[in-house]
PDB file of all heavy atoms in Angstrom:
ATOM      1  N   HIS A   1      83.271  94.450  70.994  1.00  0.00           N
ATOM      2  CA  HIS A   1      83.631  93.158  71.568  1.00  0.00           C
ATOM      3  C   HIS A   1      84.734  93.240  72.632  1.00  0.00           C
ATOM      4  O   HIS A   1      85.030  92.232  73.264  1.00  0.00           O
ATOM      5  CB  HIS A   1      84.073  92.199  70.455  1.00  0.00           C
ATOM      6  CG  HIS A   1      82.935  91.710  69.638  1.00  0.00           C
ATOM      7  ND1 HIS A   1      82.478  92.386  68.532  1.00  0.00           N
ATOM      8  CD2 HIS A   1      82.136  90.632  69.779  1.00  0.00           C
ATOM      9  CE1 HIS A   1      81.457  91.728  68.016  1.00  0.00           C
ATOM     10  NE2 HIS A   1      81.231  90.660  68.753  1.00  0.00           N
ATOM     11  N   ILE A   2      85.330  94.391  72.809  1.00  0.00           N
ATOM     12  CA  ILE A   2      86.362  94.524  73.837  1.00  0.00           C
ATOM     13  C   ILE A   2      85.693  94.350  75.205  1.00  0.00           C
ATOM     14  O   ILE A   2      84.657  94.965  75.469  1.00  0.00           O
ATOM     15  CB  ILE A   2      87.081  95.890  73.725  1.00  0.00           C
ATOM     16  CG1 ILE A   2      87.873  95.936  72.420  1.00  0.00           C
ATOM     17  CG2 ILE A   2      87.988  96.137  74.920  1.00  0.00           C
ATOM     18  CD1 ILE A   2      88.514  97.267  72.127  1.00  0.00           C
ATOM     19  N   PRO A   3      86.253  93.512  76.063  1.00  0.00           N
ATOM     20  CA  PRO A   3      85.591  93.179  77.330  1.00  0.00           C
ATOM     21  C   PRO A   3      85.124  94.390  78.155  1.00  0.00           C
ATOM     22  O   PRO A   3      84.047  94.353  78.720  1.00  0.00           O
ATOM     23  CB  PRO A   3      86.651  92.370  78.083  1.00  0.00           C
ATOM     24  CG  PRO A   3      87.463  91.746  77.007  1.00  0.00           C
ATOM     25  CD  PRO A   3      87.494  92.760  75.890  1.00  0.00           C
ATOM     26  N   ILE A   4      85.905  95.437  78.206  1.00  0.00           N
ATOM     27  CA  ILE A   4      85.509  96.571  79.037  1.00  0.00           C
ATOM     28  C   ILE A   4      84.230  97.243  78.545  1.00  0.00           C
ATOM     29  O   ILE A   4      83.490  97.834  79.317  1.00  0.00           O
ATOM     30  CB  ILE A   4      86.657  97.594  79.183  1.00  0.00           C
ATOM     31  CG1 ILE A   4      86.374  98.517  80.358  1.00  0.00           C
ATOM     32  CG2 ILE A   4      86.871  98.372  77.905  1.00  0.00           C
ATOM     33  CD1 ILE A   4      87.573  99.241  80.891  1.00  0.00           C
ATOM     34  N   THR A   5      83.941  97.133  77.246  1.00  0.00           N
ATOM     35  CA  THR A   5      82.730  97.776  76.731  1.00  0.00           C
ATOM     36  C   THR A   5      81.485  96.924  76.948  1.00  0.00           C
ATOM     37  O   THR A   5      80.377  97.457  76.884  1.00  0.00           O
ATOM     38  CB  THR A   5      82.849  98.102  75.226  1.00  0.00           C
ATOM     39  OG1 THR A   5      82.942  96.891  74.481  1.00  0.00           O
ATOM     40  CG2 THR A   5      84.014  99.017  74.941  1.00  0.00           C
ATOM     41  N   THR A   6      81.641  95.646  77.234  1.00  0.00           N
ATOM     42  CA  THR A   6      80.463  94.780  77.365  1.00  0.00           C
ATOM     43  C   THR A   6      79.570  95.199  78.525  1.00  0.00           C
ATOM     44  O   THR A   6      78.355  95.005  78.448  1.00  0.00           O
ATOM     45  CB  THR A   6      80.857  93.297  77.501  1.00  0.00           C
ATOM     46  OG1 THR A   6      81.725  93.139  78.620  1.00  0.00           O
ATOM     47  CG2 THR A   6      81.521  92.787  76.240  1.00  0.00           C
ATOM     48  N   ILE A   7      80.118  95.769  79.560  1.00  0.00           N
ATOM     49  CA  ILE A   7      79.276  96.208  80.682  1.00  0.00           C
ATOM     50  C   ILE A   7      78.399  97.395  80.294  1.00  0.00           C
ATOM     51  O   ILE A   7      77.381  97.644  80.925  1.00  0.00           O
ATOM     52  CB  ILE A   7      80.113  96.537  81.936  1.00  0.00           C
ATOM     53  CG1 ILE A   7      81.117  97.649  81.660  1.00  0.00           C
ATOM     54  CG2 ILE A   7      80.797  95.299  82.476  1.00  0.00           C
ATOM     55  CD1 ILE A   7      81.859  98.148  82.884  1.00  0.00           C
ATOM     56  N   TYR A   8      78.784  98.110  79.247  1.00  0.00           N
ATOM     57  CA  TYR A   8      78.019  99.278  78.816  1.00  0.00           C
ATOM     58  C   TYR A   8      76.963  98.951  77.760  1.00  0.00           C
ATOM     59  O   TYR A   8      76.152  99.802  77.430  1.00  0.00           O
ATOM     60  CB  TYR A   8      78.965 100.353  78.280  1.00  0.00           C
ATOM     61  CG  TYR A   8      79.922 100.862  79.326  1.00  0.00           C
ATOM     62  CD1 TYR A   8      81.266 100.495  79.293  1.00  0.00           C
ATOM     63  CD2 TYR A   8      79.480 101.677  80.352  1.00  0.00           C
ATOM     64  CE1 TYR A   8      82.148 100.933  80.266  1.00  0.00           C
ATOM     65  CE2 TYR A   8      80.353 102.123  81.334  1.00  0.00           C
ATOM     66  CZ  TYR A   8      81.689 101.754  81.286  1.00  0.00           C
ATOM     67  OH  TYR A   8      82.548 102.188  82.244  1.00  0.00           O
ATOM     68  N   HIS A   9      76.977  97.760  77.225  1.00  0.00           N
ATOM     69  CA  HIS A   9      76.015  97.379  76.180  1.00  0.00           C
ATOM     70  C   HIS A   9      74.571  97.580  76.619  1.00  0.00           C
ATOM     71  O   HIS A   9      73.709  97.887  75.804  1.00  0.00           O
ATOM     72  CB  HIS A   9      76.205  95.918  75.765  1.00  0.00           C
ATOM     73  CG  HIS A   9      77.421  95.696  74.934  1.00  0.00           C
ATOM     74  ND1 HIS A   9      77.590  94.550  74.203  1.00  0.00           N
ATOM     75  CD2 HIS A   9      78.525  96.439  74.709  1.00  0.00           C
ATOM     76  CE1 HIS A   9      78.760  94.600  73.572  1.00  0.00           C
ATOM     77  NE2 HIS A   9      79.339  95.735  73.873  1.00  0.00           N
ATOM     78  N   GLN A  10      74.306  97.396  77.895  1.00  0.00           N
ATOM     79  CA  GLN A  10      72.939  97.477  78.400  1.00  0.00           C
ATOM     80  C   GLN A  10      72.413  98.910  78.494  1.00  0.00           C
ATOM     81  O   GLN A  10      71.213  99.122  78.592  1.00  0.00           O
ATOM     82  CB  GLN A  10      72.862  96.818  79.772  1.00  0.00           C
ATOM     83  CG  GLN A  10      73.723  97.525  80.822  1.00  0.00           C
ATOM     84  CD  GLN A  10      73.777  96.776  82.136  1.00  0.00           C
ATOM     85  OE1 GLN A  10      72.864  96.033  82.454  1.00  0.00           O
ATOM     86  NE2 GLN A  10      74.840  96.964  82.890  1.00  0.00           N
ATOM     87  N   PHE A  11      73.293  99.880  78.460  1.00  0.00           N
ATOM     88  CA  PHE A  11      72.866 101.264  78.633  1.00  0.00           C
ATOM     89  C   PHE A  11      72.416 101.881  77.316  1.00  0.00           C
ATOM     90  O   PHE A  11      73.035 101.657  76.272  1.00  0.00           O
ATOM     91  CB  PHE A  11      73.997 102.106  79.232  1.00  0.00           C
ATOM     92  CG  PHE A  11      74.392 101.677  80.606  1.00  0.00           C
ATOM     93  CD1 PHE A  11      75.632 101.109  80.838  1.00  0.00           C
ATOM     94  CD2 PHE A  11      73.511 101.830  81.679  1.00  0.00           C
ATOM     95  CE1 PHE A  11      76.002 100.701  82.109  1.00  0.00           C
ATOM     96  CE2 PHE A  11      73.878 101.424  82.948  1.00  0.00           C
ATOM     97  CZ  PHE A  11      75.115 100.859  83.173  1.00  0.00           C
ATOM     98  N   PRO A  12      71.345 102.671  77.379  1.00  0.00           N
ATOM     99  CA  PRO A  12      70.901 103.367  76.163  1.00  0.00           C
ATOM    100  C   PRO A  12      72.006 104.296  75.661  1.00  0.00           C
ATOM    101  O   PRO A  12      72.717 104.913  76.449  1.00  0.00           O
ATOM    102  CB  PRO A  12      69.687 104.176  76.625  1.00  0.00           C
ATOM    103  CG  PRO A  12      69.340 103.680  77.977  1.00  0.00           C
ATOM    104  CD  PRO A  12      70.538 102.981  78.530  1.00  0.00           C
ATOM    105  N   GLY A  13      72.134 104.366  74.376  1.00  0.00           N
ATOM    106  CA  GLY A  13      73.128 105.262  73.787  1.00  0.00           C
ATOM    107  C   GLY A  13      74.517 104.669  73.659  1.00  0.00           C
ATOM    108  O   GLY A  13      75.452 105.358  73.248  1.00  0.00           O
ATOM    109  N   PHE A  14      74.678 103.377  74.018  1.00  0.00           N
ATOM    110  CA  PHE A  14      76.003 102.754  73.917  1.00  0.00           C
ATOM    111  C   PHE A  14      76.574 102.919  72.512  1.00  0.00           C
ATOM    112  O   PHE A  14      77.706 103.346  72.341  1.00  0.00           O
ATOM    113  CB  PHE A  14      75.931 101.268  74.280  1.00  0.00           C
ATOM    114  CG  PHE A  14      77.180 100.507  73.932  1.00  0.00           C
ATOM    115  CD1 PHE A  14      78.329 100.646  74.679  1.00  0.00           C
ATOM    116  CD2 PHE A  14      77.216  99.657  72.829  1.00  0.00           C
ATOM    117  CE1 PHE A  14      79.497  99.956  74.346  1.00  0.00           C
ATOM    118  CE2 PHE A  14      78.366  98.962  72.498  1.00  0.00           C
ATOM    119  CZ  PHE A  14      79.505  99.113  73.255  1.00  0.00           C
ATOM    120  N   GLY A  15      75.753 102.587  71.512  1.00  0.00           N
ATOM    121  CA  GLY A  15      76.217 102.696  70.128  1.00  0.00           C
ATOM    122  C   GLY A  15      76.637 104.105  69.773  1.00  0.00           C
ATOM    123  O   GLY A  15      77.684 104.322  69.179  1.00  0.00           O
ATOM    124  N   TYR A  16      75.847 105.063  70.181  1.00  0.00           N
ATOM    125  CA  TYR A  16      76.144 106.456  69.835  1.00  0.00           C
ATOM    126  C   TYR A  16      77.355 106.982  70.596  1.00  0.00           C
ATOM    127  O   TYR A  16      78.295 107.501  70.002  1.00  0.00           O
ATOM    128  CB  TYR A  16      74.933 107.356  70.108  1.00  0.00           C
ATOM    129  CG  TYR A  16      75.231 108.811  69.878  1.00  0.00           C
ATOM    130  CD1 TYR A  16      75.316 109.313  68.580  1.00  0.00           C
ATOM    131  CD2 TYR A  16      75.471 109.674  70.932  1.00  0.00           C
ATOM    132  CE1 TYR A  16      75.623 110.640  68.348  1.00  0.00           C
ATOM    133  CE2 TYR A  16      75.776 111.001  70.713  1.00  0.00           C
ATOM    134  CZ  TYR A  16      75.846 111.481  69.422  1.00  0.00           C
ATOM    135  OH  TYR A  16      76.158 112.797  69.205  1.00  0.00           O
ATOM    136  N   PHE A  17      77.330 106.855  71.914  1.00  0.00           N
ATOM    137  CA  PHE A  17      78.386 107.465  72.724  1.00  0.00           C
ATOM    138  C   PHE A  17      79.726 106.749  72.627  1.00  0.00           C
ATOM    139  O   PHE A  17      80.771 107.375  72.668  1.00  0.00           O
ATOM    140  CB  PHE A  17      77.957 107.554  74.197  1.00  0.00           C
ATOM    141  CG  PHE A  17      76.901 108.586  74.435  1.00  0.00           C
ATOM    142  CD1 PHE A  17      75.621 108.214  74.785  1.00  0.00           C
ATOM    143  CD2 PHE A  17      77.188 109.934  74.287  1.00  0.00           C
ATOM    144  CE1 PHE A  17      74.637 109.166  74.998  1.00  0.00           C
ATOM    145  CE2 PHE A  17      76.214 110.894  74.486  1.00  0.00           C
ATOM    146  CZ  PHE A  17      74.931 110.517  74.849  1.00  0.00           C
ATOM    147  N   ILE A  18      79.697 105.459  72.503  1.00  0.00           N
ATOM    148  CA  ILE A  18      80.960 104.711  72.463  1.00  0.00           C
ATOM    149  C   ILE A  18      81.386 104.413  71.021  1.00  0.00           C
ATOM    150  O   ILE A  18      82.466 104.802  70.585  1.00  0.00           O
ATOM    151  CB  ILE A  18      80.847 103.387  73.254  1.00  0.00           C
ATOM    152  CG1 ILE A  18      80.409 103.640  74.692  1.00  0.00           C
ATOM    153  CG2 ILE A  18      82.152 102.599  73.184  1.00  0.00           C
ATOM    154  CD1 ILE A  18      81.394 104.388  75.553  1.00  0.00           C
ATOM    155  N   LEU A  19      80.527 103.736  70.295  1.00  0.00           N
ATOM    156  CA  LEU A  19      80.921 103.259  68.969  1.00  0.00           C
ATOM    157  C   LEU A  19      80.933 104.376  67.925  1.00  0.00           C
ATOM    158  O   LEU A  19      81.871 104.479  67.137  1.00  0.00           O
ATOM    159  CB  LEU A  19      80.016 102.118  68.526  1.00  0.00           C
ATOM    160  CG  LEU A  19      79.971 100.909  69.477  1.00  0.00           C
ATOM    161  CD1 LEU A  19      79.047  99.849  68.942  1.00  0.00           C
ATOM    162  CD2 LEU A  19      81.360 100.365  69.738  1.00  0.00           C
ATOM    163  N   ASP A  20      79.918 105.204  67.915  1.00  0.00           N
ATOM    164  CA  ASP A  20      79.863 106.280  66.915  1.00  0.00           C
ATOM    165  C   ASP A  20      80.896 107.369  67.169  1.00  0.00           C
ATOM    166  O   ASP A  20      81.290 108.077  66.258  1.00  0.00           O
ATOM    167  CB  ASP A  20      78.460 106.892  66.846  1.00  0.00           C
ATOM    168  CG  ASP A  20      77.434 105.924  66.288  1.00  0.00           C
ATOM    169  OD1 ASP A  20      77.846 104.896  65.714  1.00  0.00           O
ATOM    170  OD2 ASP A  20      76.228 106.190  66.432  1.00  0.00           O
ATOM    171  N   SER A  21      81.355 107.493  68.410  1.00  0.00           N
ATOM    172  CA  SER A  21      82.364 108.515  68.707  1.00  0.00           C
ATOM    173  C   SER A  21      83.679 108.223  67.977  1.00  0.00           C
ATOM    174  O   SER A  21      84.421 109.141  67.631  1.00  0.00           O
ATOM    175  CB  SER A  21      82.605 108.615  70.217  1.00  0.00           C
ATOM    176  OG  SER A  21      83.162 107.419  70.711  1.00  0.00           O
ATOM    177  N   LEU A  22      83.945 106.960  67.717  1.00  0.00           N
ATOM    178  CA  LEU A  22      85.139 106.613  66.942  1.00  0.00           C
ATOM    179  C   LEU A  22      85.033 107.163  65.525  1.00  0.00           C
ATOM    180  O   LEU A  22      85.993 107.726  64.993  1.00  0.00           O
ATOM    181  CB  LEU A  22      85.328 105.098  66.903  1.00  0.00           C
ATOM    182  CG  LEU A  22      85.630 104.436  68.244  1.00  0.00           C
ATOM    183  CD1 LEU A  22      85.440 102.929  68.153  1.00  0.00           C
ATOM    184  CD2 LEU A  22      87.035 104.780  68.691  1.00  0.00           C
ATOM    185  N   ALA A  23      83.868 107.014  64.911  1.00  0.00           N
ATOM    186  CA  ALA A  23      83.649 107.524  63.549  1.00  0.00           C
ATOM    187  C   ALA A  23      83.723 109.043  63.536  1.00  0.00           C
ATOM    188  O   ALA A  23      84.262 109.641  62.597  1.00  0.00           O
ATOM    189  CB  ALA A  23      82.307 107.047  63.012  1.00  0.00           C
ATOM    190  N   LEU A  24      83.208 109.683  64.583  1.00  0.00           N
ATOM    191  CA  LEU A  24      83.272 111.148  64.652  1.00  0.00           C
ATOM    192  C   LEU A  24      84.723 111.626  64.712  1.00  0.00           C
ATOM    193  O   LEU A  24      85.033 112.724  64.279  1.00  0.00           O
ATOM    194  CB  LEU A  24      82.482 111.668  65.854  1.00  0.00           C
ATOM    195  CG  LEU A  24      80.967 111.476  65.765  1.00  0.00           C
ATOM    196  CD1 LEU A  24      80.296 111.843  67.086  1.00  0.00           C
ATOM    197  CD2 LEU A  24      80.390 112.296  64.621  1.00  0.00           C
ATOM    198  N   GLY A  25      85.590 110.788  65.242  1.00  0.00           N
ATOM    199  CA  GLY A  25      87.019 111.107  65.300  1.00  0.00           C
ATOM    200  C   GLY A  25      87.787 110.581  64.104  1.00  0.00           C
ATOM    201  O   GLY A  25      89.005 110.500  64.132  1.00  0.00           O
ATOM    202  N   ASP A  26      87.071 110.211  63.048  1.00  0.00           N
ATOM    203  CA  ASP A  26      87.680 109.650  61.833  1.00  0.00           C
ATOM    204  C   ASP A  26      88.542 108.421  62.118  1.00  0.00           C
ATOM    205  O   ASP A  26      89.615 108.252  61.551  1.00  0.00           O
ATOM    206  CB  ASP A  26      88.498 110.711  61.085  1.00  0.00           C
ATOM    207  CG  ASP A  26      87.626 111.722  60.373  1.00  0.00           C
ATOM    208  OD1 ASP A  26      86.514 111.345  59.954  1.00  0.00           O
ATOM    209  OD2 ASP A  26      88.055 112.881  60.250  1.00  0.00           O
ATOM    210  N   MET A  27      88.067 107.582  63.009  1.00  0.00           N
ATOM    211  CA  MET A  27      88.754 106.340  63.338  1.00  0.00           C
ATOM    212  C   MET A  27      87.877 105.178  62.869  1.00  0.00           C
ATOM    213  O   MET A  27      86.861 104.872  63.490  1.00  0.00           O
ATOM    214  CB  MET A  27      88.992 106.238  64.847  1.00  0.00           C
ATOM    215  CG  MET A  27      89.841 107.361  65.410  1.00  0.00           C
ATOM    216  SD  MET A  27      91.556 107.243  64.960  1.00  0.00           S
ATOM    217  CE  MET A  27      92.211 106.544  66.438  1.00  0.00           C
ATOM    218  N   PHE A  28      88.263 104.560  61.758  1.00  0.00           N
ATOM    219  CA  PHE A  28      87.479 103.467  61.190  1.00  0.00           C
ATOM    220  C   PHE A  28      88.271 102.160  61.141  1.00  0.00           C
ATOM    221  O   PHE A  28      87.753 101.117  61.423  1.00  0.00           O
ATOM    222  CB  PHE A  28      86.990 103.826  59.773  1.00  0.00           C
ATOM    223  CG  PHE A  28      86.126 105.046  59.743  1.00  0.00           C
ATOM    224  CD1 PHE A  28      86.659 106.282  59.404  1.00  0.00           C
ATOM    225  CD2 PHE A  28      84.789 104.962  60.066  1.00  0.00           C
ATOM    226  CE1 PHE A  28      85.857 107.408  59.386  1.00  0.00           C
ATOM    227  CE2 PHE A  28      83.980 106.087  60.045  1.00  0.00           C
ATOM    228  CZ  PHE A  28      84.517 107.319  59.709  1.00  0.00           C
ATOM    229  N   PHE A  29      89.525 102.236  60.731  1.00  0.00           N
ATOM    230  CA  PHE A  29      90.402 101.069  60.633  1.00  0.00           C
ATOM    231  C   PHE A  29      89.652  99.871  60.064  1.00  0.00           C
ATOM    232  O   PHE A  29      89.469  98.851  60.723  1.00  0.00           O
ATOM    233  CB  PHE A  29      91.024 100.728  61.979  1.00  0.00           C
ATOM    234  CG  PHE A  29      91.953 101.788  62.498  1.00  0.00           C
ATOM    235  CD1 PHE A  29      91.570 102.612  63.540  1.00  0.00           C
ATOM    236  CD2 PHE A  29      93.200 101.963  61.937  1.00  0.00           C
ATOM    237  CE1 PHE A  29      92.430 103.594  64.020  1.00  0.00           C
ATOM    238  CE2 PHE A  29      94.074 102.946  62.400  1.00  0.00           C
ATOM    239  CZ  PHE A  29      93.674 103.762  63.450  1.00  0.00           C
ATOM    240  N   CYS A  30      89.225  99.992  58.837  1.00  0.00           N
ATOM    241  CA  CYS A  30      88.394  98.980  58.174  1.00  0.00           C
ATOM    242  C   CYS A  30      89.239  97.879  57.543  1.00  0.00           C
ATOM    243  O   CYS A  30      89.420  97.836  56.322  1.00  0.00           O
ATOM    244  CB  CYS A  30      87.508  99.641  57.128  1.00  0.00           C
ATOM    245  SG  CYS A  30      86.327 100.786  57.833  1.00  0.00           S
ATOM    246  N   ASN A  31      89.725  96.974  58.366  1.00  0.00           N
ATOM    247  CA  ASN A  31      90.443  95.812  57.827  1.00  0.00           C
ATOM    248  C   ASN A  31      89.583  95.059  56.831  1.00  0.00           C
ATOM    249  O   ASN A  31      90.072  94.594  55.804  1.00  0.00           O
ATOM    250  CB  ASN A  31      90.842  94.860  58.959  1.00  0.00           C
ATOM    251  CG  ASN A  31      92.053  95.313  59.716  1.00  0.00           C
ATOM    252  OD1 ASN A  31      92.933  95.965  59.166  1.00  0.00           O
ATOM    253  ND2 ASN A  31      92.117  94.971  60.988  1.00  0.00           N
ATOM    254  N   ASP A  32      88.286  94.944  57.139  1.00  0.00           N
ATOM    255  CA  ASP A  32      87.400  94.170  56.268  1.00  0.00           C
ATOM    256  C   ASP A  32      87.290  94.780  54.874  1.00  0.00           C
ATOM    257  O   ASP A  32      87.236  94.062  53.881  1.00  0.00           O
ATOM    258  CB  ASP A  32      86.024  93.970  56.900  1.00  0.00           C
ATOM    259  CG  ASP A  32      85.381  95.239  57.434  1.00  0.00           C
ATOM    260  OD1 ASP A  32      85.970  96.338  57.352  1.00  0.00           O
ATOM    261  OD2 ASP A  32      84.254  95.132  57.966  1.00  0.00           O
ATOM    262  N   GLU A  33      87.294  96.085  54.772  1.00  0.00           N
ATOM    263  CA  GLU A  33      87.255  96.733  53.458  1.00  0.00           C
ATOM    264  C   GLU A  33      88.622  96.697  52.779  1.00  0.00           C
ATOM    265  O   GLU A  33      88.725  96.516  51.576  1.00  0.00           O
ATOM    266  CB  GLU A  33      86.745  98.172  53.573  1.00  0.00           C
ATOM    267  CG  GLU A  33      85.292  98.266  54.002  1.00  0.00           C
ATOM    268  CD  GLU A  33      84.346  97.529  53.069  1.00  0.00           C
ATOM    269  OE1 GLU A  33      84.498  97.666  51.835  1.00  0.00           O
ATOM    270  OE2 GLU A  33      83.461  96.809  53.567  1.00  0.00           O
ATOM    271  N   ASN A  34      89.673  96.866  53.562  1.00  0.00           N
ATOM    272  CA  ASN A  34      91.027  96.890  53.010  1.00  0.00           C
ATOM    273  C   ASN A  34      91.428  95.548  52.400  1.00  0.00           C
ATOM    274  O   ASN A  34      92.018  95.505  51.325  1.00  0.00           O
ATOM    275  CB  ASN A  34      92.037  97.310  54.070  1.00  0.00           C
ATOM    276  CG  ASN A  34      91.873  98.759  54.484  1.00  0.00           C
ATOM    277  OD1 ASN A  34      91.316  99.580  53.751  1.00  0.00           O
ATOM    278  ND2 ASN A  34      92.345  99.087  55.657  1.00  0.00           N
ATOM    279  N   VAL A  35      91.106  94.449  53.085  1.00  0.00           N
ATOM    280  CA  VAL A  35      91.530  93.139  52.562  1.00  0.00           C
ATOM    281  C   VAL A  35      90.801  92.768  51.277  1.00  0.00           C
ATOM    282  O   VAL A  35      91.284  91.929  50.527  1.00  0.00           O
ATOM    283  CB  VAL A  35      91.408  92.008  53.607  1.00  0.00           C
ATOM    284  CG1 VAL A  35      92.289  92.275  54.817  1.00  0.00           C
ATOM    285  CG2 VAL A  35      89.967  91.749  54.007  1.00  0.00           C
ATOM    286  N   LYS A  36      89.679  93.409  51.012  1.00  0.00           N
ATOM    287  CA  LYS A  36      88.954  93.144  49.761  1.00  0.00           C
ATOM    288  C   LYS A  36      89.714  93.684  48.554  1.00  0.00           C
ATOM    289  O   LYS A  36      89.491  93.255  47.432  1.00  0.00           O
ATOM    290  CB  LYS A  36      87.573  93.801  49.796  1.00  0.00           C
ATOM    291  CG  LYS A  36      86.592  93.149  50.733  1.00  0.00           C
ATOM    292  CD  LYS A  36      85.282  93.917  50.725  1.00  0.00           C
ATOM    293  CE  LYS A  36      84.283  93.369  51.715  1.00  0.00           C
ATOM    294  NZ  LYS A  36      83.055  94.192  51.748  1.00  0.00           N
ATOM    295  N   VAL A  37      90.628  94.617  48.797  1.00  0.00           N
ATOM    296  CA  VAL A  37      91.369  95.287  47.725  1.00  0.00           C
ATOM    297  C   VAL A  37      92.771  94.705  47.570  1.00  0.00           C
ATOM    298  O   VAL A  37      93.327  94.689  46.478  1.00  0.00           O
ATOM    299  CB  VAL A  37      91.450  96.808  48.024  1.00  0.00           C
ATOM    300  CG1 VAL A  37      92.281  97.536  46.998  1.00  0.00           C
ATOM    301  CG2 VAL A  37      90.046  97.406  48.111  1.00  0.00           C
ATOM    302  N   LEU A  38      93.349  94.210  48.657  1.00  0.00           N
ATOM    303  CA  LEU A  38      94.732  93.737  48.623  1.00  0.00           C
ATOM    304  C   LEU A  38      94.901  92.526  47.716  1.00  0.00           C
ATOM    305  O   LEU A  38      93.975  91.750  47.521  1.00  0.00           O
ATOM    306  CB  LEU A  38      95.209  93.387  50.035  1.00  0.00           C
ATOM    307  CG  LEU A  38      95.241  94.518  51.046  1.00  0.00           C
ATOM    308  CD1 LEU A  38      95.741  93.997  52.395  1.00  0.00           C
ATOM    309  CD2 LEU A  38      96.091  95.677  50.565  1.00  0.00           C
ATOM    310  N   ALA A  39      96.106  92.389  47.182  1.00  0.00           N
ATOM    311  CA  ALA A  39      96.440  91.228  46.357  1.00  0.00           C
ATOM    312  C   ALA A  39      97.703  90.533  46.866  1.00  0.00           C
ATOM    313  O   ALA A  39      98.051  89.463  46.398  1.00  0.00           O
ATOM    314  CB  ALA A  39      96.631  91.658  44.906  1.00  0.00           C
ATOM    315  N   CYS A  40      98.389  91.144  47.832  1.00  0.00           N
ATOM    316  CA  CYS A  40      99.624  90.568  48.363  1.00  0.00           C
ATOM    317  C   CYS A  40      99.300  89.394  49.292  1.00  0.00           C
ATOM    318  O   CYS A  40      98.172  89.262  49.763  1.00  0.00           O
ATOM    319  CB  CYS A  40     100.401  91.638  49.130  1.00  0.00           C
ATOM    320  SG  CYS A  40      99.524  92.268  50.583  1.00  0.00           S
TER     321      CYS A  40
END
């Protein structure tokens, strides 16, 4: 959803080259999973 990536959505491999590369670098930052566990 970051504006700079929206121009690349139309290109084949966007998910793999841009989005999956974060996972390959062990970058997940899963706020959605973390807040399911928090109680504070």
